[in-house]
PDB file of N, CA and C in Angstrom:
ATOM      1  N   MET A   1    -127.569 141.154  56.538  1.00  0.00           N
ATOM      2  CA  MET A   1    -127.133 139.649  56.282  1.00  0.00           C
ATOM      3  C   MET A   1    -127.077 139.463  54.725  1.00  0.00           C
ATOM      4  N   GLY A   2    -126.069 139.177  54.196  1.00  0.00           N
ATOM      5  CA  GLY A   2    -125.927 138.708  52.884  1.00  0.00           C
ATOM      6  C   GLY A   2    -125.830 139.944  52.042  1.00  0.00           C
ATOM      7  N   GLU A   3    -125.834 139.651  50.584  1.00  0.00           N
ATOM      8  CA  GLU A   3    -125.718 140.435  49.694  1.00  0.00           C
ATOM      9  C   GLU A   3    -126.984 140.826  48.940  1.00  0.00           C
ATOM     10  N   VAL A   4    -126.900 142.077  48.106  1.00  0.00           N
ATOM     11  CA  VAL A   4    -128.018 142.229  47.542  1.00  0.00           C
ATOM     12  C   VAL A   4    -128.108 141.615  46.244  1.00  0.00           C
ATOM     13  N   ILE A   5    -129.079 141.085  45.866  1.00  0.00           N
ATOM     14  CA  ILE A   5    -129.492 140.451  44.565  1.00  0.00           C
ATOM     15  C   ILE A   5    -130.241 140.981  43.664  1.00  0.00           C
ATOM     16  N   ASN A   6    -129.626 141.393  42.508  1.00  0.00           N
ATOM     17  CA  ASN A   6    -130.411 141.999  41.264  1.00  0.00           C
ATOM     18  C   ASN A   6    -131.436 141.053  40.857  1.00  0.00           C
ATOM     19  N   PHE A   7    -132.786 141.524  40.544  1.00  0.00           N
ATOM     20  CA  PHE A   7    -133.662 140.917  39.746  1.00  0.00           C
ATOM     21  C   PHE A   7    -133.848 141.611  38.440  1.00  0.00           C
ATOM     22  N   PRO A   8    -134.369 140.928  37.291  1.00  0.00           N
ATOM     23  CA  PRO A   8    -134.448 141.709  36.208  1.00  0.00           C
ATOM     24  C   PRO A   8    -135.796 142.480  36.407  1.00  0.00           C
ATOM     25  N   ALA A   9    -136.226 143.689  35.498  1.00  0.00           N
ATOM     26  CA  ALA A   9    -137.433 144.227  35.690  1.00  0.00           C
ATOM     27  C   ALA A   9    -138.484 143.446  35.119  1.00  0.00           C
ATOM     28  N   PRO A  10    -139.712 143.719  35.898  1.00  0.00           N
ATOM     29  CA  PRO A  10    -140.768 142.769  35.420  1.00  0.00           C
ATOM     30  C   PRO A  10    -141.095 142.783  33.979  1.00  0.00           C
ATOM     31  N   GLY A  11    -141.362 141.858  33.320  1.00  0.00           N
ATOM     32  CA  GLY A  11    -141.465 141.591  31.986  1.00  0.00           C
ATOM     33  C   GLY A  11    -140.308 141.383  31.162  1.00  0.00           C
ATOM     34  N   SER A  12    -139.120 141.498  31.686  1.00  0.00           N
ATOM     35  CA  SER A  12    -137.759 141.269  30.992  1.00  0.00           C
ATOM     36  C   SER A  12    -137.514 139.825  30.877  1.00  0.00           C
ATOM     37  N   THR A  13    -136.705 139.372  29.939  1.00  0.00           N
ATOM     38  CA  THR A  13    -136.458 138.094  29.694  1.00  0.00           C
ATOM     39  C   THR A  13    -135.165 137.611  30.268  1.00  0.00           C
ATOM     40  N   GLY A  14    -134.518 138.672  31.192  1.00  0.00           N
ATOM     41  CA  GLY A  14    -133.289 138.291  31.829  1.00  0.00           C
ATOM     42  C   GLY A  14    -133.341 137.289  33.041  1.00  0.00           C
ATOM     43  N   THR A  15    -132.346 136.904  33.536  1.00  0.00           N
ATOM     44  CA  THR A  15    -132.141 135.869  34.635  1.00  0.00           C
ATOM     45  C   THR A  15    -132.416 136.255  35.821  1.00  0.00           C
ATOM     46  N   ALA A  16    -132.477 135.845  36.823  1.00  0.00           N
ATOM     47  CA  ALA A  16    -132.811 136.184  38.277  1.00  0.00           C
ATOM     48  C   ALA A  16    -131.406 136.394  39.016  1.00  0.00           C
ATOM     49  N   LEU A  17    -130.332 136.036  38.210  1.00  0.00           N
ATOM     50  CA  LEU A  17    -129.007 136.016  39.035  1.00  0.00           C
ATOM     51  C   LEU A  17    -128.468 137.390  38.561  1.00  0.00           C
ATOM     52  N   PRO A  18    -127.562 138.030  39.397  1.00  0.00           N
ATOM     53  CA  PRO A  18    -127.030 139.095  38.995  1.00  0.00           C
ATOM     54  C   PRO A  18    -126.129 139.122  37.859  1.00  0.00           C
ATOM     55  N   LEU A  19    -126.243 140.193  37.060  1.00  0.00           N
ATOM     56  CA  LEU A  19    -125.399 140.089  35.776  1.00  0.00           C
ATOM     57  C   LEU A  19    -124.080 140.941  36.111  1.00  0.00           C
ATOM     58  N   ALA A  20    -122.887 140.749  35.372  1.00  0.00           N
ATOM     59  CA  ALA A  20    -121.595 141.502  35.617  1.00  0.00           C
ATOM     60  C   ALA A  20    -122.020 142.981  35.248  1.00  0.00           C
ATOM     61  N   ASP A  21    -123.138 143.284  34.207  1.00  0.00           N
ATOM     62  CA  ASP A  21    -123.202 144.469  33.701  1.00  0.00           C
ATOM     63  C   ASP A  21    -124.267 145.186  34.519  1.00  0.00           C
ATOM     64  N   GLU A  22    -124.883 144.752  35.467  1.00  0.00           N
ATOM     65  CA  GLU A  22    -125.838 145.078  36.052  1.00  0.00           C
ATOM     66  C   GLU A  22    -125.605 145.787  37.655  1.00  0.00           C
ATOM     67  N   LYS A  23    -124.396 146.115  37.816  1.00  0.00           N
ATOM     68  CA  LYS A  23    -124.087 146.364  39.125  1.00  0.00           C
ATOM     69  C   LYS A  23    -124.732 147.550  39.646  1.00  0.00           C
ATOM     70  N   LEU A  24    -125.209 147.588  40.820  1.00  0.00           N
ATOM     71  CA  LEU A  24    -125.865 148.597  41.687  1.00  0.00           C
ATOM     72  C   LEU A  24    -124.918 149.508  42.126  1.00  0.00           C
ATOM     73  N   SER A  25    -125.139 150.793  42.229  1.00  0.00           N
ATOM     74  CA  SER A  25    -124.315 151.770  42.996  1.00  0.00           C
ATOM     75  C   SER A  25    -124.218 151.715  44.325  1.00  0.00           C
ATOM     76  N   ARG A  26    -123.368 152.262  44.932  1.00  0.00           N
ATOM     77  CA  ARG A  26    -123.014 152.179  46.220  1.00  0.00           C
ATOM     78  C   ARG A  26    -124.354 152.718  47.157  1.00  0.00           C
ATOM     79  N   ASP A  27    -124.944 153.682  46.713  1.00  0.00           N
ATOM     80  CA  ASP A  27    -125.928 154.282  47.093  1.00  0.00           C
ATOM     81  C   ASP A  27    -127.155 153.416  47.143  1.00  0.00           C
ATOM     82  N   ASP A  28    -127.330 152.769  45.909  1.00  0.00           N
ATOM     83  CA  ASP A  28    -128.542 151.657  46.018  1.00  0.00           C
ATOM     84  C   ASP A  28    -128.312 150.597  46.670  1.00  0.00           C
ATOM     85  N   VAL A  29    -127.170 150.077  46.873  1.00  0.00           N
ATOM     86  CA  VAL A  29    -126.889 148.879  47.908  1.00  0.00           C
ATOM     87  C   VAL A  29    -127.147 149.427  49.241  1.00  0.00           C
ATOM     88  N   ALA A  30    -126.701 150.655  49.584  1.00  0.00           N
ATOM     89  CA  ALA A  30    -126.862 151.362  51.155  1.00  0.00           C
ATOM     90  C   ALA A  30    -128.304 151.300  51.389  1.00  0.00           C
ATOM     91  N   ARG A  31    -128.895 151.683  50.104  1.00  0.00           N
ATOM     92  CA  ARG A  31    -130.696 151.935  50.546  1.00  0.00           C
ATOM     93  C   ARG A  31    -131.265 150.734  50.542  1.00  0.00           C
ATOM     94  N   LEU A  32    -130.688 149.486  49.816  1.00  0.00           N
ATOM     95  CA  LEU A  32    -131.526 148.362  49.811  1.00  0.00           C
ATOM     96  C   LEU A  32    -131.219 147.795  51.192  1.00  0.00           C
ATOM     97  N   GLU A  33    -129.959 147.865  51.808  1.00  0.00           N
ATOM     98  CA  GLU A  33    -129.532 147.140  53.029  1.00  0.00           C
ATOM     99  C   GLU A  33    -130.307 147.741  54.149  1.00  0.00           C
ATOM    100  N   ALA A  34    -130.297 149.170  54.007  1.00  0.00           N
ATOM    101  CA  ALA A  34    -131.222 149.860  55.118  1.00  0.00           C
ATOM    102  C   ALA A  34    -132.739 149.407  55.218  1.00  0.00           C
ATOM    103  N   ILE A  35    -133.270 149.299  54.066  1.00  0.00           N
ATOM    104  CA  ILE A  35    -134.569 148.823  53.858  1.00  0.00           C
ATOM    105  C   ILE A  35    -134.740 147.365  54.488  1.00  0.00           C
ATOM    106  N   ARG A  36    -133.705 146.534  54.043  1.00  0.00           N
ATOM    107  CA  ARG A  36    -133.628 145.181  54.726  1.00  0.00           C
ATOM    108  C   ARG A  36    -133.367 145.198  56.121  1.00  0.00           C
ATOM    109  N   ASP A  37    -132.588 145.960  56.740  1.00  0.00           N
ATOM    110  CA  ASP A  37    -132.308 146.092  58.084  1.00  0.00           C
ATOM    111  C   ASP A  37    -133.488 146.333  58.807  1.00  0.00           C
ATOM    112  N   ASN A  38    -134.183 147.560  58.342  1.00  0.00           N
ATOM    113  CA  ASN A  38    -135.324 148.075  58.904  1.00  0.00           C
ATOM    114  C   ASN A  38    -136.405 147.059  59.129  1.00  0.00           C
ATOM    115  N   VAL A  39    -136.661 146.533  57.960  1.00  0.00           N
ATOM    116  CA  VAL A  39    -137.802 145.585  57.980  1.00  0.00           C
ATOM    117  C   VAL A  39    -137.599 144.291  58.831  1.00  0.00           C
ATOM    118  N   GLU A  40    -136.278 143.854  58.926  1.00  0.00           N
ATOM    119  CA  GLU A  40    -136.123 142.780  59.865  1.00  0.00           C
ATOM    120  C   GLU A  40    -135.899 143.132  61.258  1.00  0.00           C
ATOM    121  N   ALA A  41    -135.846 144.518  61.657  1.00  0.00           N
ATOM    122  CA  ALA A  41    -136.044 145.142  63.014  1.00  0.00           C
ATOM    123  C   ALA A  41    -137.386 145.204  63.189  1.00  0.00           C
ATOM    124  N   LEU A  42    -138.273 145.438  62.363  1.00  0.00           N
ATOM    125  CA  LEU A  42    -139.544 145.708  62.697  1.00  0.00           C
ATOM    126  C   LEU A  42    -140.229 144.227  62.813  1.00  0.00           C
ATOM    127  N   LEU A  43    -139.771 143.347  61.985  1.00  0.00           N
ATOM    128  CA  LEU A  43    -140.139 141.964  62.056  1.00  0.00           C
ATOM    129  C   LEU A  43    -139.969 141.337  63.548  1.00  0.00           C
ATOM    130  N   ASP A  44    -138.618 141.579  63.865  1.00  0.00           N
ATOM    131  CA  ASP A  44    -138.218 141.070  65.552  1.00  0.00           C
ATOM    132  C   ASP A  44    -138.979 141.844  66.534  1.00  0.00           C
ATOM    133  N   MET A  45    -139.643 143.168  66.270  1.00  0.00           N
ATOM    134  CA  MET A  45    -140.198 143.954  67.102  1.00  0.00           C
ATOM    135  C   MET A  45    -141.535 143.326  67.229  1.00  0.00           C
ATOM    136  N   VAL A  46    -142.159 142.965  66.212  1.00  0.00           N
ATOM    137  CA  VAL A  46    -143.699 142.412  66.176  1.00  0.00           C
ATOM    138  C   VAL A  46    -143.644 141.050  66.743  1.00  0.00           C
ATOM    139  N   ALA A  47    -142.737 140.264  66.494  1.00  0.00           N
ATOM    140  CA  ALA A  47    -142.362 138.991  67.036  1.00  0.00           C
ATOM    141  C   ALA A  47    -142.326 139.024  68.530  1.00  0.00           C
ATOM    142  N   GLY A  48    -141.593 139.979  69.020  1.00  0.00           N
ATOM    143  CA  GLY A  48    -141.440 140.088  70.515  1.00  0.00           C
ATOM    144  C   GLY A  48    -142.868 140.551  71.029  1.00  0.00           C
ATOM    145  N   ILE A  49    -143.390 141.471  70.397  1.00  0.00           N
ATOM    146  CA  ILE A  49    -144.686 141.999  70.990  1.00  0.00           C
ATOM    147  C   ILE A  49    -145.757 140.905  71.134  1.00  0.00           C
ATOM    148  N   ARG A  50    -145.881 140.335  70.003  1.00  0.00           N
ATOM    149  CA  ARG A  50    -146.887 139.114  69.913  1.00  0.00           C
ATOM    150  C   ARG A  50    -146.574 137.945  70.424  1.00  0.00           C
ATOM    151  N   ARG A  51    -145.204 137.768  70.838  1.00  0.00           N
ATOM    152  CA  ARG A  51    -144.898 136.580  71.550  1.00  0.00           C
ATOM    153  C   ARG A  51    -144.898 135.353  70.681  1.00  0.00           C
ATOM    154  N   ASP A  52    -144.862 135.496  69.384  1.00  0.00           N
ATOM    155  CA  ASP A  52    -145.063 134.215  68.469  1.00  0.00           C
ATOM    156  C   ASP A  52    -144.245 134.522  67.110  1.00  0.00           C
ATOM    157  N   PRO A  53    -143.016 134.249  67.243  1.00  0.00           N
ATOM    158  CA  PRO A  53    -141.869 134.372  66.136  1.00  0.00           C
ATOM    159  C   PRO A  53    -142.497 133.597  64.966  1.00  0.00           C
ATOM    160  N   GLU A  54    -142.690 132.433  65.383  1.00  0.00           N
ATOM    161  CA  GLU A  54    -143.031 131.471  64.231  1.00  0.00           C
ATOM    162  C   GLU A  54    -144.210 132.024  63.483  1.00  0.00           C
ATOM    163  N   ALA A  55    -145.371 132.617  63.758  1.00  0.00           N
ATOM    164  CA  ALA A  55    -146.472 133.142  63.061  1.00  0.00           C
ATOM    165  C   ALA A  55    -145.933 134.333  62.373  1.00  0.00           C
ATOM    166  N   VAL A  56    -144.976 135.222  62.762  1.00  0.00           N
ATOM    167  CA  VAL A  56    -144.461 136.447  62.291  1.00  0.00           C
ATOM    168  C   VAL A  56    -143.639 136.012  60.989  1.00  0.00           C
ATOM    169  N   ALA A  57    -142.801 134.999  61.285  1.00  0.00           N
ATOM    170  CA  ALA A  57    -142.008 134.439  60.144  1.00  0.00           C
ATOM    171  C   ALA A  57    -142.948 133.893  59.094  1.00  0.00           C
ATOM    172  N   TYR A  58    -143.817 133.041  59.361  1.00  0.00           N
ATOM    173  CA  TYR A  58    -144.654 132.582  58.154  1.00  0.00           C
ATOM    174  C   TYR A  58    -145.399 133.901  57.534  1.00  0.00           C
ATOM    175  N   ALA A  59    -146.072 134.733  58.213  1.00  0.00           N
ATOM    176  CA  ALA A  59    -146.686 135.813  57.561  1.00  0.00           C
ATOM    177  C   ALA A  59    -145.734 136.589  56.682  1.00  0.00           C
ATOM    178  N   ALA A  60    -144.518 136.741  57.131  1.00  0.00           N
ATOM    179  CA  ALA A  60    -143.525 137.675  56.418  1.00  0.00           C
ATOM    180  C   ALA A  60    -143.140 136.865  55.201  1.00  0.00           C
ATOM    181  N   ALA A  61    -142.780 135.668  55.392  1.00  0.00           N
ATOM    182  CA  ALA A  61    -142.464 134.617  54.132  1.00  0.00           C
ATOM    183  C   ALA A  61    -143.321 134.735  53.162  1.00  0.00           C
ATOM    184  N   ARG A  62    -144.626 134.435  53.582  1.00  0.00           N
ATOM    185  CA  ARG A  62    -145.797 134.436  52.688  1.00  0.00           C
ATOM    186  C   ARG A  62    -145.974 135.636  52.019  1.00  0.00           C
ATOM    187  N   PHE A  63    -145.993 136.931  52.802  1.00  0.00           N
ATOM    188  CA  PHE A  63    -145.888 138.190  51.991  1.00  0.00           C
ATOM    189  C   PHE A  63    -145.055 138.258  50.983  1.00  0.00           C
ATOM    190  N   GLY A  64    -143.462 137.960  51.424  1.00  0.00           N
ATOM    191  CA  GLY A  64    -142.427 138.041  50.550  1.00  0.00           C
ATOM    192  C   GLY A  64    -142.522 137.271  49.309  1.00  0.00           C
ATOM    193  N   MET A  65    -142.737 136.000  49.610  1.00  0.00           N
ATOM    194  CA  MET A  65    -142.897 135.129  48.466  1.00  0.00           C
ATOM    195  C   MET A  65    -143.883 135.354  47.223  1.00  0.00           C
ATOM    196  N   MET A  66    -145.210 135.681  47.738  1.00  0.00           N
ATOM    197  CA  MET A  66    -146.288 136.034  47.015  1.00  0.00           C
ATOM    198  C   MET A  66    -145.910 137.177  46.075  1.00  0.00           C
ATOM    199  N   ARG A  67    -145.321 138.204  46.950  1.00  0.00           N
ATOM    200  CA  ARG A  67    -145.010 139.471  46.068  1.00  0.00           C
ATOM    201  C   ARG A  67    -143.865 139.239  45.199  1.00  0.00           C
ATOM    202  N   MET A  68    -142.985 138.304  45.434  1.00  0.00           N
ATOM    203  CA  MET A  68    -141.727 138.132  44.531  1.00  0.00           C
ATOM    204  C   MET A  68    -142.223 137.280  43.278  1.00  0.00           C
ATOM    205  N   PHE A  69    -143.161 136.344  43.606  1.00  0.00           N
ATOM    206  CA  PHE A  69    -143.709 135.682  42.552  1.00  0.00           C
ATOM    207  C   PHE A  69    -144.617 136.525  41.529  1.00  0.00           C
ATOM    208  N   HIS A  70    -145.335 137.360  41.988  1.00  0.00           N
ATOM    209  CA  HIS A  70    -145.918 138.531  41.240  1.00  0.00           C
ATOM    210  C   HIS A  70    -145.165 139.444  40.411  1.00  0.00           C
ATOM    211  N   LEU A  71    -144.103 139.835  41.107  1.00  0.00           N
ATOM    212  CA  LEU A  71    -143.119 140.714  40.324  1.00  0.00           C
ATOM    213  C   LEU A  71    -142.118 139.883  39.373  1.00  0.00           C
ATOM    214  N   HIS A  72    -141.706 138.771  39.724  1.00  0.00           N
ATOM    215  CA  HIS A  72    -140.637 138.243  39.086  1.00  0.00           C
ATOM    216  C   HIS A  72    -140.866 136.736  38.601  1.00  0.00           C
ATOM    217  N   GLY A  73    -141.946 136.030  38.983  1.00  0.00           N
ATOM    218  CA  GLY A  73    -142.173 134.759  38.579  1.00  0.00           C
ATOM    219  C   GLY A  73    -141.725 133.660  39.351  1.00  0.00           C
ATOM    220  N   ARG A  74    -142.109 132.390  39.244  1.00  0.00           N
ATOM    221  CA  ARG A  74    -141.923 131.426  40.117  1.00  0.00           C
ATOM    222  C   ARG A  74    -140.402 131.082  40.183  1.00  0.00           C
ATOM    223  N   ALA A  75    -139.741 131.007  39.119  1.00  0.00           N
ATOM    224  CA  ALA A  75    -138.259 130.466  38.962  1.00  0.00           C
ATOM    225  C   ALA A  75    -137.439 131.667  40.160  1.00  0.00           C
ATOM    226  N   ALA A  76    -137.688 132.974  39.933  1.00  0.00           N
ATOM    227  CA  ALA A  76    -137.071 133.598  40.466  1.00  0.00           C
ATOM    228  C   ALA A  76    -137.332 133.784  42.160  1.00  0.00           C
ATOM    229  N   ALA A  77    -138.539 133.720  42.389  1.00  0.00           N
ATOM    230  CA  ALA A  77    -138.855 133.552  43.795  1.00  0.00           C
ATOM    231  C   ALA A  77    -138.294 132.346  44.530  1.00  0.00           C
ATOM    232  N   MET A  78    -138.540 131.349  43.874  1.00  0.00           N
ATOM    233  CA  MET A  78    -138.113 129.883  44.423  1.00  0.00           C
ATOM    234  C   MET A  78    -136.477 129.884  44.516  1.00  0.00           C
ATOM    235  N   GLY A  79    -135.876 130.621  43.514  1.00  0.00           N
ATOM    236  CA  GLY A  79    -134.415 130.591  43.440  1.00  0.00           C
ATOM    237  C   GLY A  79    -134.039 131.673  44.663  1.00  0.00           C
ATOM    238  N   PHE A  80    -134.671 132.618  44.824  1.00  0.00           N
ATOM    239  CA  PHE A  80    -134.441 133.642  46.005  1.00  0.00           C
ATOM    240  C   PHE A  80    -134.505 132.831  47.477  1.00  0.00           C
ATOM    241  N   ALA A  81    -135.777 132.053  47.688  1.00  0.00           N
ATOM    242  CA  ALA A  81    -135.977 131.331  48.649  1.00  0.00           C
ATOM    243  C   ALA A  81    -134.586 130.264  49.082  1.00  0.00           C
ATOM    244  N   ASP A  82    -134.431 129.605  47.900  1.00  0.00           N
ATOM    245  CA  ASP A  82    -133.199 128.615  48.300  1.00  0.00           C
ATOM    246  C   ASP A  82    -132.026 129.216  48.673  1.00  0.00           C
ATOM    247  N   ARG A  83    -131.707 130.562  47.918  1.00  0.00           N
ATOM    248  CA  ARG A  83    -130.401 131.201  48.263  1.00  0.00           C
ATOM    249  C   ARG A  83    -130.471 131.613  49.866  1.00  0.00           C
ATOM    250  N   CYS A  84    -131.740 132.066  50.145  1.00  0.00           N
ATOM    251  CA  CYS A  84    -131.886 132.436  51.786  1.00  0.00           C
ATOM    252  C   CYS A  84    -131.597 131.359  52.559  1.00  0.00           C
ATOM    253  N   ILE A  85    -132.271 130.012  52.201  1.00  0.00           N
ATOM    254  CA  ILE A  85    -132.032 128.969  52.951  1.00  0.00           C
ATOM    255  C   ILE A  85    -130.682 128.526  53.054  1.00  0.00           C
ATOM    256  N   GLU A  86    -129.950 128.451  51.886  1.00  0.00           N
ATOM    257  CA  GLU A  86    -128.588 128.223  51.829  1.00  0.00           C
ATOM    258  C   GLU A  86    -127.723 129.212  52.691  1.00  0.00           C
ATOM    259  N   THR A  87    -128.007 130.499  52.909  1.00  0.00           N
ATOM    260  CA  THR A  87    -127.459 131.369  53.694  1.00  0.00           C
ATOM    261  C   THR A  87    -127.538 131.221  54.878  1.00  0.00           C
ATOM    262  N   ALA A  88    -128.700 130.697  55.565  1.00  0.00           N
ATOM    263  CA  ALA A  88    -129.134 130.353  56.853  1.00  0.00           C
ATOM    264  C   ALA A  88    -128.408 129.045  57.345  1.00  0.00           C
ATOM    265  N   GLU A  89    -128.199 128.170  56.241  1.00  0.00           N
ATOM    266  CA  GLU A  89    -127.557 126.797  56.702  1.00  0.00           C
ATOM    267  C   GLU A  89    -126.021 127.189  56.684  1.00  0.00           C
ATOM    268  N   ILE A  90    -125.373 128.138  55.910  1.00  0.00           N
ATOM    269  CA  ILE A  90    -124.096 128.506  56.117  1.00  0.00           C
ATOM    270  C   ILE A  90    -123.846 129.306  57.488  1.00  0.00           C
ATOM    271  N   ALA A  91    -124.694 130.101  57.857  1.00  0.00           N
ATOM    272  CA  ALA A  91    -124.786 130.822  59.122  1.00  0.00           C
ATOM    273  C   ALA A  91    -124.683 129.869  60.254  1.00  0.00           C
ATOM    274  N   THR A  92    -125.480 128.925  60.094  1.00  0.00           N
ATOM    275  CA  THR A  92    -125.655 128.047  61.126  1.00  0.00           C
ATOM    276  C   THR A  92    -124.340 127.033  61.365  1.00  0.00           C
ATOM    277  N   ASP A  93    -124.010 126.497  60.213  1.00  0.00           N
ATOM    278  CA  ASP A  93    -122.362 125.905  60.103  1.00  0.00           C
ATOM    279  C   ASP A  93    -121.391 126.680  60.785  1.00  0.00           C
ATOM    280  N   LEU A  94    -121.318 127.930  60.447  1.00  0.00           N
ATOM    281  CA  LEU A  94    -120.262 128.832  61.010  1.00  0.00           C
ATOM    282  C   LEU A  94    -120.453 129.162  62.299  1.00  0.00           C
ATOM    283  N   SER A  95    -121.610 129.046  63.074  1.00  0.00           N
ATOM    284  CA  SER A  95    -121.710 129.305  64.443  1.00  0.00           C
ATOM    285  C   SER A  95    -121.617 128.109  65.385  1.00  0.00           C
ATOM    286  N   GLN A  96    -121.370 126.972  64.589  1.00  0.00           N
ATOM    287  CA  GLN A  96    -120.975 125.825  65.397  1.00  0.00           C
ATOM    288  C   GLN A  96    -119.708 125.706  65.845  1.00  0.00           C
ATOM    289  N   PRO A  97    -119.407 125.101  67.002  1.00  0.00           N
ATOM    290  CA  PRO A  97    -117.870 125.017  67.283  1.00  0.00           C
ATOM    291  C   PRO A  97    -117.092 123.846  66.410  1.00  0.00           C
TER     292      PRO A  97
END
């Protein structure tokens, strides 16, 4: 779901948006997509086993946002969360008749 978003290396002064000269290789994109897909599948599995998808969503979001904040700072983490919500809104709009 969605495209890979490049983040600057920790401690750099770069922006959280992908830059034209910072393209990822096809292998890097495939690796990141596989990680994303595998993590989503694991979360779906845990949500089913625990029968509490909301709790799993909150736990995963908390882990992800806290880790993003520590790796890239507040602006990058908040920007990433905002883009995720925008993607979900677009997917919802597209699925409606």
